[in-house]
Structures are given as C-alpha cells and as structure tokens.
Amino acid sequence: METVKIRRVGDSDVMTIPASLRGEDFISGQQVLVDKLPNGALLVMPVASMRAAIRNAGRSAIRKHAEALKLLEEYDREV
C-alpha cells in the first residue's frame, strides 16, 4: 500500500499508479474499469480481467443450467 496525491489535469482528477503496484496488469495505455464501492473505496480492474470474469460466469451458468437450456433449444426448434 502506498500514498499518492490526487492532482487536477484539465477537468479531471488523476492519481498515479506507483511502479511497485503496476505489474503487468496496469501498464501505460491499458484500459481499466473504475467503480466506486458503497464504502467510498475505488475498485480499479483491467478490462481484460473483467472480460475473462464475465466469460467464466457465462460458461458456469451454461454448465449449471444445461438441461433447461437444452429443453429451450428443443422447444424453439418445434415452433
């Protein structure tokens, strides 16, 4: 954990990511998602990680509900 200052650049407030926290998930030019949590904390996540999480959740839902999805698929073909 490190302390950084929030600075004003144009109409935005910006923070730097210290080199010690950057790693390969946070490199210059990479897109990130920023979300404000109910407790006021900011969550910063690489877009690629979010895409992978969504893809995994979808695959899990398909596995979990495979029987229901198969029934829907068969019904759809009959109509």
PDB file of N, CA and C in Angstrom:
ATOM      1  N   MET A   1       0.857  -1.166   0.000  1.00  0.00           N
ATOM      2  CA  MET A   1       0.000   0.000   0.000  1.00  0.00           C
ATOM      3  C   MET A   1       0.901   1.225   0.000  1.00  0.00           C
ATOM      4  N   GLU A   2       0.531   2.192  -0.818  1.00  0.00           N
ATOM      5  CA  GLU A   2       1.305   3.428  -0.900  1.00  0.00           C
ATOM      6  C   GLU A   2       0.359   4.623  -0.906  1.00  0.00           C
ATOM      7  N   THR A   3       0.877   5.772  -0.518  1.00  0.00           N
ATOM      8  CA  THR A   3       0.112   7.005  -0.527  1.00  0.00           C
ATOM      9  C   THR A   3       0.472   7.796  -1.775  1.00  0.00           C
ATOM     10  N   VAL A   4      -0.551   8.255  -2.518  1.00  0.00           N
ATOM     11  CA  VAL A   4      -0.340   9.108  -3.688  1.00  0.00           C
ATOM     12  C   VAL A   4      -1.285  10.301  -3.586  1.00  0.00           C
ATOM     13  N   LYS A   5      -0.956  11.372  -4.277  1.00  0.00           N
ATOM     14  CA  LYS A   5      -1.808  12.552  -4.284  1.00  0.00           C
ATOM     15  C   LYS A   5      -2.718  12.545  -5.493  1.00  0.00           C
ATOM     16  N   ILE A   6      -3.914  13.089  -5.312  1.00  0.00           N
ATOM     17  CA  ILE A   6      -4.830  13.312  -6.424  1.00  0.00           C
ATOM     18  C   ILE A   6      -4.496  14.683  -6.993  1.00  0.00           C
ATOM     19  N   ARG A   7      -4.319  14.758  -8.325  1.00  0.00           N
ATOM     20  CA  ARG A   7      -3.970  16.012  -8.992  1.00  0.00           C
ATOM     21  C   ARG A   7      -5.052  16.382  -9.991  1.00  0.00           C
ATOM     22  N   ARG A   8      -5.164  17.650 -10.280  1.00  0.00           N
ATOM     23  CA  ARG A   8      -6.111  18.149 -11.273  1.00  0.00           C
ATOM     24  C   ARG A   8      -5.383  18.252 -12.601  1.00  0.00           C
ATOM     25  N   VAL A   9      -5.952  17.613 -13.648  1.00  0.00           N
ATOM     26  CA  VAL A   9      -5.445  17.723 -15.017  1.00  0.00           C
ATOM     27  C   VAL A   9      -6.650  18.044 -15.885  1.00  0.00           C
ATOM     28  N   GLY A  10      -6.726  19.264 -16.381  1.00  0.00           N
ATOM     29  CA  GLY A  10      -7.896  19.695 -17.142  1.00  0.00           C
ATOM     30  C   GLY A  10      -9.108  19.690 -16.226  1.00  0.00           C
ATOM     31  N   ASP A  11     -10.163  18.997 -16.646  1.00  0.00           N
ATOM     32  CA  ASP A  11     -11.379  18.908 -15.841  1.00  0.00           C
ATOM     33  C   ASP A  11     -11.428  17.626 -15.009  1.00  0.00           C
ATOM     34  N   SER A  12     -10.349  16.859 -14.998  1.00  0.00           N
ATOM     35  CA  SER A  12     -10.350  15.569 -14.299  1.00  0.00           C
ATOM     36  C   SER A  12      -9.372  15.569 -13.138  1.00  0.00           C
ATOM     37  N   ASP A  13      -9.653  14.723 -12.177  1.00  0.00           N
ATOM     38  CA  ASP A  13      -8.707  14.454 -11.100  1.00  0.00           C
ATOM     39  C   ASP A  13      -8.005  13.141 -11.447  1.00  0.00           C
ATOM     40  N   VAL A  14      -6.690  13.094 -11.268  1.00  0.00           N
ATOM     41  CA  VAL A  14      -5.925  11.902 -11.631  1.00  0.00           C
ATOM     42  C   VAL A  14      -5.045  11.457 -10.480  1.00  0.00           C
ATOM     43  N   MET A  15      -4.761  10.156 -10.454  1.00  0.00           N
ATOM     44  CA  MET A  15      -3.818   9.578  -9.495  1.00  0.00           C
ATOM     45  C   MET A  15      -2.796   8.783 -10.295  1.00  0.00           C
ATOM     46  N   THR A  16      -1.606   8.702  -9.788  1.00  0.00           N
ATOM     47  CA  THR A  16      -0.605   7.864 -10.427  1.00  0.00           C
ATOM     48  C   THR A  16      -0.626   6.487  -9.781  1.00  0.00           C
ATOM     49  N   ILE A  17      -0.215   5.495 -10.547  1.00  0.00           N
ATOM     50  CA  ILE A  17      -0.050   4.142 -10.001  1.00  0.00           C
ATOM     51  C   ILE A  17       1.442   3.959  -9.761  1.00  0.00           C
ATOM     52  N   PRO A  18       1.844   3.794  -8.518  1.00  0.00           N
ATOM     53  CA  PRO A  18       3.265   3.621  -8.228  1.00  0.00           C
ATOM     54  C   PRO A  18       3.829   2.396  -8.951  1.00  0.00           C
ATOM     55  N   ALA A  19       5.077   2.488  -9.366  1.00  0.00           N
ATOM     56  CA  ALA A  19       5.722   1.394 -10.094  1.00  0.00           C
ATOM     57  C   ALA A  19       5.657   0.083  -9.322  1.00  0.00           C
ATOM     58  N   SER A  20       5.694   0.154  -8.007  1.00  0.00           N
ATOM     59  CA  SER A  20       5.677  -1.069  -7.196  1.00  0.00           C
ATOM     60  C   SER A  20       4.331  -1.797  -7.273  1.00  0.00           C
ATOM     61  N   LEU A  21       3.258  -1.086  -7.662  1.00  0.00           N
ATOM     62  CA  LEU A  21       1.930  -1.690  -7.757  1.00  0.00           C
ATOM     63  C   LEU A  21       1.519  -1.986  -9.193  1.00  0.00           C
ATOM     64  N   ARG A  22       2.259  -1.480 -10.130  1.00  0.00           N
ATOM     65  CA  ARG A  22       1.873  -1.533 -11.537  1.00  0.00           C
ATOM     66  C   ARG A  22       1.821  -2.961 -12.066  1.00  0.00           C
ATOM     67  N   GLY A  23       2.904  -3.685 -12.044  1.00  0.00           N
ATOM     68  CA  GLY A  23       2.944  -5.046 -12.566  1.00  0.00           C
ATOM     69  C   GLY A  23       2.522  -5.095 -14.018  1.00  0.00           C
ATOM     70  N   GLU A  24       2.185  -6.277 -14.523  1.00  0.00           N
ATOM     71  CA  GLU A  24       1.767  -6.382 -15.922  1.00  0.00           C
ATOM     72  C   GLU A  24       0.277  -6.125 -16.115  1.00  0.00           C
ATOM     73  N   ASP A  25      -0.494  -6.029 -15.016  1.00  0.00           N
ATOM     74  CA  ASP A  25      -1.921  -5.750 -15.137  1.00  0.00           C
ATOM     75  C   ASP A  25      -2.215  -4.271 -15.364  1.00  0.00           C
ATOM     76  N   PHE A  26      -1.307  -3.402 -14.973  1.00  0.00           N
ATOM     77  CA  PHE A  26      -1.516  -1.960 -15.098  1.00  0.00           C
ATOM     78  C   PHE A  26      -0.317  -1.335 -15.792  1.00  0.00           C
ATOM     79  N   ILE A  27      -0.385  -1.272 -17.118  1.00  0.00           N
ATOM     80  CA  ILE A  27       0.699  -0.664 -17.875  1.00  0.00           C
ATOM     81  C   ILE A  27       0.148   0.532 -18.645  1.00  0.00           C
ATOM     82  N   SER A  28       1.020   1.445 -18.989  1.00  0.00           N
ATOM     83  CA  SER A  28       0.634   2.670 -19.673  1.00  0.00           C
ATOM     84  C   SER A  28      -0.152   2.371 -20.942  1.00  0.00           C
ATOM     85  N   GLY A  29      -1.290   3.036 -21.115  1.00  0.00           N
ATOM     86  CA  GLY A  29      -2.116   2.880 -22.299  1.00  0.00           C
ATOM     87  C   GLY A  29      -3.189   1.809 -22.185  1.00  0.00           C
ATOM     88  N   GLN A  30      -3.119   0.981 -21.150  1.00  0.00           N
ATOM     89  CA  GLN A  30      -4.094  -0.094 -20.978  1.00  0.00           C
ATOM     90  C   GLN A  30      -5.391   0.465 -20.409  1.00  0.00           C
ATOM     91  N   GLN A  31      -6.540  -0.075 -20.857  1.00  0.00           N
ATOM     92  CA  GLN A  31      -7.830   0.368 -20.340  1.00  0.00           C
ATOM     93  C   GLN A  31      -8.144  -0.339 -19.029  1.00  0.00           C
ATOM     94  N   VAL A  32      -8.740   0.419 -18.102  1.00  0.00           N
ATOM     95  CA  VAL A  32      -9.155  -0.135 -16.819  1.00  0.00           C
ATOM     96  C   VAL A  32     -10.586   0.303 -16.531  1.00  0.00           C
ATOM     97  N   LEU A  33     -11.260  -0.481 -15.708  1.00  0.00           N
ATOM     98  CA  LEU A  33     -12.583  -0.118 -15.217  1.00  0.00           C
ATOM     99  C   LEU A  33     -12.411   0.460 -13.825  1.00  0.00           C
ATOM    100  N   VAL A  34     -13.132   1.524 -13.518  1.00  0.00           N
ATOM    101  CA  VAL A  34     -13.077   2.128 -12.192  1.00  0.00           C
ATOM    102  C   VAL A  34     -14.505   2.169 -11.660  1.00  0.00           C
ATOM    103  N   ASP A  35     -14.690   1.634 -10.461  1.00  0.00           N
ATOM    104  CA  ASP A  35     -16.017   1.601  -9.852  1.00  0.00           C
ATOM    105  C   ASP A  35     -15.911   2.106  -8.422  1.00  0.00           C
ATOM    106  N   LYS A  36     -16.894   2.886  -8.008  1.00  0.00           N
ATOM    107  CA  LYS A  36     -16.931   3.374  -6.634  1.00  0.00           C
ATOM    108  C   LYS A  36     -17.781   2.423  -5.809  1.00  0.00           C
ATOM    109  N   LEU A  37     -17.220   1.869  -4.759  1.00  0.00           N
ATOM    110  CA  LEU A  37     -17.909   0.928  -3.886  1.00  0.00           C
ATOM    111  C   LEU A  37     -18.735   1.687  -2.851  1.00  0.00           C
ATOM    112  N   PRO A  38     -19.732   1.030  -2.242  1.00  0.00           N
ATOM    113  CA  PRO A  38     -20.586   1.701  -1.258  1.00  0.00           C
ATOM    114  C   PRO A  38     -19.824   2.346  -0.099  1.00  0.00           C
ATOM    115  N   ASN A  39     -18.655   1.790   0.242  1.00  0.00           N
ATOM    116  CA  ASN A  39     -17.880   2.354   1.347  1.00  0.00           C
ATOM    117  C   ASN A  39     -16.996   3.525   0.908  1.00  0.00           C
ATOM    118  N   GLY A  40     -17.103   3.921  -0.379  1.00  0.00           N
ATOM    119  CA  GLY A  40     -16.333   5.050  -0.884  1.00  0.00           C
ATOM    120  C   GLY A  40     -15.011   4.667  -1.525  1.00  0.00           C
ATOM    121  N   ALA A  41     -14.593   3.424  -1.376  1.00  0.00           N
ATOM    122  CA  ALA A  41     -13.343   2.965  -1.983  1.00  0.00           C
ATOM    123  C   ALA A  41     -13.510   2.857  -3.492  1.00  0.00           C
ATOM    124  N   LEU A  42     -12.413   2.998  -4.220  1.00  0.00           N
ATOM    125  CA  LEU A  42     -12.431   2.823  -5.665  1.00  0.00           C
ATOM    126  C   LEU A  42     -11.836   1.459  -6.004  1.00  0.00           C
ATOM    127  N   LEU A  43     -12.492   0.751  -6.891  1.00  0.00           N
ATOM    128  CA  LEU A  43     -12.006  -0.530  -7.382  1.00  0.00           C
ATOM    129  C   LEU A  43     -11.503  -0.304  -8.798  1.00  0.00           C
ATOM    130  N   VAL A  44     -10.248  -0.642  -9.053  1.00  0.00           N
ATOM    131  CA  VAL A  44      -9.644  -0.480 -10.377  1.00  0.00           C
ATOM    132  C   VAL A  44      -9.308  -1.870 -10.893  1.00  0.00           C
ATOM    133  N   MET A  45      -9.849  -2.219 -12.081  1.00  0.00           N
ATOM    134  CA  MET A  45      -9.646  -3.555 -12.625  1.00  0.00           C
ATOM    135  C   MET A  45      -9.320  -3.461 -14.111  1.00  0.00           C
ATOM    136  N   PRO A  46      -8.297  -4.197 -14.569  1.00  0.00           N
ATOM    137  CA  PRO A  46      -8.017  -4.209 -16.006  1.00  0.00           C
ATOM    138  C   PRO A  46      -9.236  -4.715 -16.785  1.00  0.00           C
ATOM    139  N   VAL A  47      -9.541  -4.100 -17.908  1.00  0.00           N
ATOM    140  CA  VAL A  47     -10.687  -4.501 -18.727  1.00  0.00           C
ATOM    141  C   VAL A  47     -10.572  -5.966 -19.117  1.00  0.00           C
ATOM    142  N   ALA A  48      -9.365  -6.426 -19.446  1.00  0.00           N
ATOM    143  CA  ALA A  48      -9.173  -7.821 -19.842  1.00  0.00           C
ATOM    144  C   ALA A  48      -9.595  -8.769 -18.726  1.00  0.00           C
ATOM    145  N   SER A  49      -9.328  -8.418 -17.468  1.00  0.00           N
ATOM    146  CA  SER A  49      -9.734  -9.261 -16.342  1.00  0.00           C
ATOM    147  C   SER A  49     -11.248  -9.318 -16.223  1.00  0.00           C
ATOM    148  N   MET A  50     -11.910  -8.200 -16.459  1.00  0.00           N
ATOM    149  CA  MET A  50     -13.367  -8.168 -16.377  1.00  0.00           C
ATOM    150  C   MET A  50     -13.982  -9.011 -17.477  1.00  0.00           C
ATOM    151  N   ARG A  51     -13.441  -8.921 -18.681  1.00  0.00           N
ATOM    152  CA  ARG A  51     -13.953  -9.727 -19.788  1.00  0.00           C
ATOM    153  C   ARG A  51     -13.828 -11.210 -19.464  1.00  0.00           C
ATOM    154  N   ALA A  52     -12.693 -11.606 -18.911  1.00  0.00           N
ATOM    155  CA  ALA A  52     -12.480 -13.008 -18.538  1.00  0.00           C
ATOM    156  C   ALA A  52     -13.470 -13.426 -17.453  1.00  0.00           C
ATOM    157  N   ALA A  53     -13.720 -12.564 -16.478  1.00  0.00           N
ATOM    158  CA  ALA A  53     -14.653 -12.884 -15.396  1.00  0.00           C
ATOM    159  C   ALA A  53     -16.076 -13.060 -15.944  1.00  0.00           C
ATOM    160  N   ILE A  54     -16.483 -12.198 -16.873  1.00  0.00           N
ATOM    161  CA  ILE A  54     -17.812 -12.304 -17.470  1.00  0.00           C
ATOM    162  C   ILE A  54     -17.928 -13.589 -18.289  1.00  0.00           C
ATOM    163  N   ARG A  55     -16.887 -13.884 -19.056  1.00  0.00           N
ATOM    164  CA  ARG A  55     -16.878 -15.107 -19.862  1.00  0.00           C
ATOM    165  C   ARG A  55     -16.981 -16.344 -18.970  1.00  0.00           C
ATOM    166  N   ASN A  56     -16.232 -16.374 -17.884  1.00  0.00           N
ATOM    167  CA  ASN A  56     -16.272 -17.506 -16.953  1.00  0.00           C
ATOM    168  C   ASN A  56     -17.632 -17.640 -16.284  1.00  0.00           C
ATOM    169  N   ALA A  57     -18.248 -16.512 -15.917  1.00  0.00           N
ATOM    170  CA  ALA A  57     -19.580 -16.554 -15.303  1.00  0.00           C
ATOM    171  C   ALA A  57     -20.596 -17.114 -16.291  1.00  0.00           C
ATOM    172  N   GLY A  58     -20.511 -16.728 -17.543  1.00  0.00           N
ATOM    173  CA  GLY A  58     -21.414 -17.242 -18.574  1.00  0.00           C
ATOM    174  C   GLY A  58     -21.251 -18.736 -18.764  1.00  0.00           C
ATOM    175  N   ARG A  59     -20.015 -19.182 -18.839  1.00  0.00           N
ATOM    176  CA  ARG A  59     -19.760 -20.617 -19.005  1.00  0.00           C
ATOM    177  C   ARG A  59     -20.267 -21.409 -17.807  1.00  0.00           C
ATOM    178  N   SER A  60     -20.098 -20.860 -16.627  1.00  0.00           N
ATOM    179  CA  SER A  60     -20.582 -21.521 -15.417  1.00  0.00           C
ATOM    180  C   SER A  60     -22.103 -21.628 -15.426  1.00  0.00           C
ATOM    181  N   ALA A  61     -22.781 -20.559 -15.834  1.00  0.00           N
ATOM    182  CA  ALA A  61     -24.250 -20.570 -15.895  1.00  0.00           C
ATOM    183  C   ALA A  61     -24.737 -21.581 -16.922  1.00  0.00           C
ATOM    184  N   ILE A  62     -24.049 -21.687 -18.044  1.00  0.00           N
ATOM    185  CA  ILE A  62     -24.428 -22.653 -19.071  1.00  0.00           C
ATOM    186  C   ILE A  62     -24.280 -24.078 -18.542  1.00  0.00           C
ATOM    187  N   ARG A  63     -23.178 -24.348 -17.852  1.00  0.00           N
ATOM    188  CA  ARG A  63     -22.985 -25.685 -17.263  1.00  0.00           C
ATOM    189  C   ARG A  63     -24.058 -25.981 -16.223  1.00  0.00           C
ATOM    190  N   LYS A  64     -24.339 -25.008 -15.378  1.00  0.00           N
ATOM    191  CA  LYS A  64     -25.289 -25.200 -14.286  1.00  0.00           C
ATOM    192  C   LYS A  64     -26.708 -25.433 -14.803  1.00  0.00           C
ATOM    193  N   HIS A  65     -27.076 -24.783 -15.882  1.00  0.00           N
ATOM    194  CA  HIS A  65     -28.443 -24.848 -16.396  1.00  0.00           C
ATOM    195  C   HIS A  65     -28.516 -25.545 -17.754  1.00  0.00           C
ATOM    196  N   ALA A  66     -27.596 -26.471 -17.997  1.00  0.00           N
ATOM    197  CA  ALA A  66     -27.518 -27.144 -19.294  1.00  0.00           C
ATOM    198  C   ALA A  66     -28.825 -27.839 -19.662  1.00  0.00           C
ATOM    199  N   GLU A  67     -29.461 -28.513 -18.712  1.00  0.00           N
ATOM    200  CA  GLU A  67     -30.694 -29.242 -19.001  1.00  0.00           C
ATOM    201  C   GLU A  67     -31.810 -28.279 -19.420  1.00  0.00           C
ATOM    202  N   ALA A  68     -31.974 -27.195 -18.682  1.00  0.00           N
ATOM    203  CA  ALA A  68     -33.004 -26.212 -19.017  1.00  0.00           C
ATOM    204  C   ALA A  68     -32.726 -25.573 -20.377  1.00  0.00           C
ATOM    205  N   LEU A  69     -31.482 -25.290 -20.669  1.00  0.00           N
ATOM    206  CA  LEU A  69     -31.130 -24.691 -21.959  1.00  0.00           C
ATOM    207  C   LEU A  69     -31.411 -25.660 -23.100  1.00  0.00           C
ATOM    208  N   LYS A  70     -31.149 -26.943 -22.881  1.00  0.00           N
ATOM    209  CA  LYS A  70     -31.432 -27.944 -23.906  1.00  0.00           C
ATOM    210  C   LYS A  70     -32.941 -28.023 -24.168  1.00  0.00           C
ATOM    211  N   LEU A  71     -33.749 -27.987 -23.104  1.00  0.00           N
ATOM    212  CA  LEU A  71     -35.207 -28.002 -23.278  1.00  0.00           C
ATOM    213  C   LEU A  71     -35.675 -26.781 -24.071  1.00  0.00           C
ATOM    214  N   LEU A  72     -35.119 -25.629 -23.763  1.00  0.00           N
ATOM    215  CA  LEU A  72     -35.482 -24.414 -24.502  1.00  0.00           C
ATOM    216  C   LEU A  72     -35.072 -24.507 -25.968  1.00  0.00           C
ATOM    217  N   GLU A  73     -33.901 -25.061 -26.208  1.00  0.00           N
ATOM    218  CA  GLU A  73     -33.420 -25.214 -27.582  1.00  0.00           C
ATOM    219  C   GLU A  73     -34.359 -26.135 -28.362  1.00  0.00           C
ATOM    220  N   GLU A  74     -34.755 -27.254 -27.758  1.00  0.00           N
ATOM    221  CA  GLU A  74     -35.655 -28.190 -28.441  1.00  0.00           C
ATOM    222  C   GLU A  74     -37.018 -27.556 -28.685  1.00  0.00           C
ATOM    223  N   TYR A  75     -37.541 -26.814 -27.725  1.00  0.00           N
ATOM    224  CA  TYR A  75     -38.820 -26.141 -27.874  1.00  0.00           C
ATOM    225  C   TYR A  75     -38.758 -25.119 -29.012  1.00  0.00           C
ATOM    226  N   ASP A  76     -37.674 -24.383 -29.079  1.00  0.00           N
ATOM    227  CA  ASP A  76     -37.517 -23.340 -30.092  1.00  0.00           C
ATOM    228  C   ASP A  76     -37.514 -23.947 -31.485  1.00  0.00           C
ATOM    229  N   ARG A  77     -36.961 -25.135 -31.651  1.00  0.00           N
ATOM    230  CA  ARG A  77     -36.928 -25.785 -32.964  1.00  0.00           C
ATOM    231  C   ARG A  77     -38.304 -26.262 -33.395  1.00  0.00           C
ATOM    232  N   GLU A  78     -39.164 -26.578 -32.424  1.00  0.00           N
ATOM    233  CA  GLU A  78     -40.501 -27.075 -32.743  1.00  0.00           C
ATOM    234  C   GLU A  78     -41.431 -25.964 -33.187  1.00  0.00           C
ATOM    235  N   VAL A  79     -41.175 -24.736 -32.770  1.00  0.00           N
ATOM    236  CA  VAL A  79     -42.075 -23.619 -33.058  1.00  0.00           C
ATOM    237  C   VAL A  79     -41.862 -23.092 -34.453  1.00  0.00           C
TER     238      VAL A  79
END
